[in-house]
N, C-alpha and C. Protein backbone atom coordinates (compact mmCIF):
# COMPACT_ATOMS: atom_id res chain seq x y z
N MET A 1 173.17 125.70 108.95
CA MET A 1 174.02 125.37 107.82
C MET A 1 175.40 124.99 108.34
N PRO A 2 175.84 123.76 108.16
CA PRO A 2 177.13 123.31 108.68
C PRO A 2 178.31 123.99 107.98
N GLN A 3 179.31 124.26 108.77
CA GLN A 3 180.57 124.79 108.26
C GLN A 3 181.66 123.77 108.57
N VAL A 4 182.68 123.72 107.76
CA VAL A 4 183.78 122.78 107.98
C VAL A 4 185.02 123.56 108.34
N VAL A 5 185.68 123.12 109.40
CA VAL A 5 186.95 123.71 109.82
C VAL A 5 187.98 122.60 109.79
N THR A 6 189.08 122.84 109.08
CA THR A 6 190.14 121.84 108.99
C THR A 6 191.32 122.30 109.83
N ILE A 7 191.77 121.43 110.71
CA ILE A 7 192.92 121.72 111.56
C ILE A 7 193.99 120.69 111.22
N ASN A 8 195.14 121.18 110.76
CA ASN A 8 196.21 120.29 110.30
C ASN A 8 197.42 120.25 111.23
N ARG A 9 197.51 121.16 112.17
CA ARG A 9 198.68 121.15 113.06
C ARG A 9 198.65 119.92 113.95
N PRO A 10 199.69 119.09 113.88
CA PRO A 10 199.69 117.84 114.65
C PRO A 10 199.54 118.05 116.16
N ASP A 11 200.14 119.11 116.70
CA ASP A 11 200.04 119.33 118.14
C ASP A 11 198.62 119.71 118.55
N VAL A 12 197.94 120.49 117.72
CA VAL A 12 196.56 120.88 118.02
C VAL A 12 195.63 119.67 117.86
N VAL A 13 195.85 118.88 116.82
CA VAL A 13 195.04 117.68 116.61
C VAL A 13 195.21 116.73 117.79
N ALA A 14 196.43 116.58 118.29
CA ALA A 14 196.68 115.70 119.44
C ALA A 14 195.97 116.22 120.69
N LEU A 15 195.98 117.53 120.90
CA LEU A 15 195.27 118.11 122.04
C LEU A 15 193.76 117.87 121.95
N ILE A 16 193.23 118.08 120.76
CA ILE A 16 191.79 117.87 120.56
C ILE A 16 191.42 116.41 120.79
N GLU A 17 192.23 115.50 120.27
CA GLU A 17 191.95 114.08 120.45
C GLU A 17 192.04 113.67 121.92
N ALA A 18 193.04 114.20 122.63
CA ALA A 18 193.19 113.87 124.05
C ALA A 18 192.01 114.40 124.85
N ALA A 19 191.62 115.66 124.58
CA ALA A 19 190.48 116.25 125.28
C ALA A 19 189.19 115.52 124.93
N ALA A 20 189.02 115.16 123.68
CA ALA A 20 187.81 114.46 123.25
C ALA A 20 187.69 113.11 123.95
N GLU A 21 188.79 112.41 124.05
CA GLU A 21 188.77 111.10 124.71
C GLU A 21 188.43 111.23 126.19
N LYS A 22 189.00 112.26 126.82
CA LYS A 22 188.82 112.45 128.26
C LYS A 22 187.45 113.04 128.61
N LEU A 23 186.97 114.00 127.83
CA LEU A 23 185.78 114.77 128.20
C LEU A 23 184.50 114.34 127.51
N THR A 24 184.61 113.83 126.28
CA THR A 24 183.39 113.57 125.50
C THR A 24 183.36 112.17 124.91
N HIS A 25 184.13 111.26 125.46
CA HIS A 25 184.17 109.88 125.00
C HIS A 25 184.53 109.78 123.51
N GLY A 26 185.47 110.63 123.07
CA GLY A 26 185.97 110.56 121.71
C GLY A 26 185.30 111.47 120.70
N ASN A 27 184.30 112.24 121.09
CA ASN A 27 183.60 113.12 120.15
C ASN A 27 184.39 114.42 120.01
N LYS A 28 185.19 114.51 118.94
CA LYS A 28 186.07 115.67 118.74
C LYS A 28 185.29 116.96 118.49
N THR A 29 184.19 116.88 117.76
CA THR A 29 183.40 118.07 117.50
C THR A 29 182.86 118.65 118.80
N GLU A 30 182.36 117.79 119.67
CA GLU A 30 181.82 118.25 120.95
C GLU A 30 182.93 118.81 121.84
N ALA A 31 184.13 118.22 121.78
CA ALA A 31 185.26 118.73 122.58
C ALA A 31 185.65 120.14 122.14
N VAL A 32 185.69 120.37 120.84
CA VAL A 32 186.02 121.70 120.33
C VAL A 32 184.92 122.69 120.70
N ALA A 33 183.66 122.29 120.59
CA ALA A 33 182.56 123.17 120.95
C ALA A 33 182.61 123.53 122.43
N LEU A 34 182.92 122.56 123.27
CA LEU A 34 183.04 122.81 124.70
C LEU A 34 184.18 123.79 124.99
N ALA A 35 185.30 123.63 124.31
CA ALA A 35 186.43 124.54 124.49
C ALA A 35 186.08 125.96 124.06
N MET A 36 185.42 126.10 122.93
CA MET A 36 185.06 127.43 122.45
C MET A 36 184.05 128.09 123.38
N LYS A 37 183.09 127.33 123.87
CA LYS A 37 182.09 127.86 124.79
C LYS A 37 182.76 128.33 126.07
N THR A 38 183.69 127.54 126.60
CA THR A 38 184.40 127.90 127.82
C THR A 38 185.23 129.17 127.63
N LEU A 39 185.90 129.28 126.49
CA LEU A 39 186.69 130.49 126.21
C LEU A 39 185.80 131.72 126.11
N LEU A 40 184.68 131.60 125.45
CA LEU A 40 183.77 132.74 125.31
C LEU A 40 183.18 133.14 126.66
N GLU A 41 182.83 132.17 127.50
CA GLU A 41 182.31 132.49 128.83
C GLU A 41 183.37 133.16 129.69
N ALA A 42 184.62 132.70 129.60
CA ALA A 42 185.71 133.31 130.37
C ALA A 42 185.93 134.75 129.91
N ASP A 43 185.83 134.99 128.62
CA ASP A 43 186.01 136.35 128.09
C ASP A 43 184.87 137.25 128.56
N ALA A 44 183.67 136.73 128.63
CA ALA A 44 182.52 137.52 129.06
C ALA A 44 182.62 137.89 130.53
N ARG A 45 183.27 137.06 131.35
CA ARG A 45 183.38 137.32 132.79
C ARG A 45 184.44 138.35 133.12
N THR A 46 185.25 138.78 132.16
CA THR A 46 186.31 139.74 132.46
C THR A 46 185.79 141.16 132.57
N SER A 47 184.55 141.43 132.17
CA SER A 47 184.01 142.77 132.30
C SER A 47 183.66 143.03 133.76
N PRO A 48 183.73 144.27 134.22
CA PRO A 48 183.48 144.55 135.63
C PRO A 48 182.04 144.26 136.03
N LEU A 49 181.90 143.68 137.19
CA LEU A 49 180.58 143.44 137.77
C LEU A 49 180.21 144.60 138.66
N PHE A 50 178.96 144.66 139.11
CA PHE A 50 178.55 145.72 140.02
C PHE A 50 179.43 145.70 141.25
N GLY A 51 179.96 146.84 141.61
CA GLY A 51 180.81 146.94 142.79
C GLY A 51 182.26 146.59 142.53
N ALA A 52 182.59 146.23 141.32
CA ALA A 52 183.96 145.80 141.04
C ALA A 52 184.87 146.95 140.61
N HIS A 53 184.34 148.13 140.43
CA HIS A 53 185.19 149.25 140.04
C HIS A 53 185.01 150.40 141.02
N ARG A 54 186.05 151.21 141.15
CA ARG A 54 186.07 152.30 142.10
C ARG A 54 184.91 153.26 141.87
N GLY A 55 184.24 153.62 142.95
CA GLY A 55 183.15 154.57 142.87
C GLY A 55 181.78 153.96 142.67
N SER A 56 181.70 152.63 142.48
CA SER A 56 180.40 152.02 142.22
C SER A 56 179.61 151.76 143.51
N VAL A 57 180.30 151.75 144.65
CA VAL A 57 179.62 151.54 145.93
C VAL A 57 180.00 152.68 146.86
N ARG A 58 179.00 153.27 147.51
CA ARG A 58 179.26 154.35 148.45
C ARG A 58 178.97 153.85 149.86
N THR A 59 179.84 154.21 150.80
CA THR A 59 179.66 153.80 152.20
C THR A 59 179.75 155.03 153.09
N LEU A 60 179.35 154.87 154.33
CA LEU A 60 179.47 155.94 155.30
C LEU A 60 180.93 156.15 155.67
N PRO A 61 181.30 157.34 156.09
CA PRO A 61 182.69 157.57 156.52
C PRO A 61 183.06 156.63 157.66
N GLY A 62 184.25 156.08 157.61
CA GLY A 62 184.73 155.18 158.64
C GLY A 62 184.43 153.71 158.38
N VAL A 63 183.66 153.39 157.35
CA VAL A 63 183.33 152.00 157.05
C VAL A 63 184.41 151.45 156.11
N ASP A 64 185.02 150.32 156.53
CA ASP A 64 186.05 149.68 155.73
C ASP A 64 185.51 148.34 155.24
N LEU A 65 185.23 148.23 153.95
CA LEU A 65 184.66 147.00 153.41
C LEU A 65 185.67 145.87 153.32
N THR A 66 186.95 146.17 153.49
CA THR A 66 187.96 145.12 153.43
C THR A 66 188.27 144.52 154.80
N ARG A 67 187.75 145.12 155.88
CA ARG A 67 188.01 144.62 157.23
C ARG A 67 187.10 143.41 157.49
N PRO A 68 187.59 142.39 158.20
CA PRO A 68 186.74 141.24 158.53
C PRO A 68 185.52 141.68 159.33
N THR A 69 184.39 141.06 159.08
CA THR A 69 183.16 141.45 159.76
C THR A 69 183.07 140.84 161.16
N LEU A 70 183.73 139.71 161.38
CA LEU A 70 183.70 139.08 162.69
C LEU A 70 184.90 139.51 163.51
N GLU A 71 184.67 139.87 164.76
CA GLU A 71 185.77 140.28 165.63
C GLU A 71 186.55 139.08 166.14
N THR A 72 185.89 137.93 166.25
CA THR A 72 186.57 136.73 166.75
C THR A 72 186.78 135.76 165.60
N GLU A 73 187.77 134.91 165.77
CA GLU A 73 188.06 133.93 164.74
C GLU A 73 187.03 132.80 164.82
N PRO A 74 186.40 132.43 163.69
CA PRO A 74 185.42 131.34 163.72
C PRO A 74 186.08 130.03 164.14
N ASP A 75 185.36 129.19 164.87
CA ASP A 75 185.91 127.92 165.34
C ASP A 75 186.37 127.04 164.20
N ALA A 76 185.72 127.11 163.06
CA ALA A 76 186.10 126.27 161.93
C ALA A 76 187.50 126.60 161.44
N GLN A 77 187.92 127.85 161.57
CA GLN A 77 189.26 128.24 161.11
C GLN A 77 190.31 128.08 162.19
N SER A 78 189.90 128.01 163.45
CA SER A 78 190.87 127.94 164.54
C SER A 78 191.42 126.55 164.74
N GLY A 79 190.66 125.53 164.33
CA GLY A 79 191.09 124.17 164.54
C GLY A 79 190.70 123.64 165.92
N ARG A 80 190.03 124.47 166.72
CA ARG A 80 189.62 124.04 168.05
C ARG A 80 188.42 123.10 167.95
N GLU A 81 188.38 122.13 168.85
CA GLU A 81 187.25 121.22 168.94
C GLU A 81 186.11 121.90 169.67
N LEU A 82 184.90 121.69 169.21
CA LEU A 82 183.73 122.25 169.84
C LEU A 82 183.20 121.27 170.88
N GLU A 83 182.70 121.79 172.00
CA GLU A 83 182.09 120.95 173.02
C GLU A 83 180.60 120.81 172.72
N HIS A 84 180.11 119.58 172.71
CA HIS A 84 178.70 119.33 172.42
C HIS A 84 177.98 118.93 173.68
């Protein structure tokens, strides 16, 4: 069942028209739907994921999960040329 939403603020209408032209070839309804979907997905991602809160992961004493795993700097980050 379709619902109608009227937006009268000139600044909001201009934003919708600009986004519609750039993202959906002028389809304002699709541009608004895309914006709402993106906002809802961003809101859903703010909840903690596994391991994202204190106490969710247990390690052995002396293990530091924030320390780099490689003892040497990878060649890709050093800027050195590799010999082939």
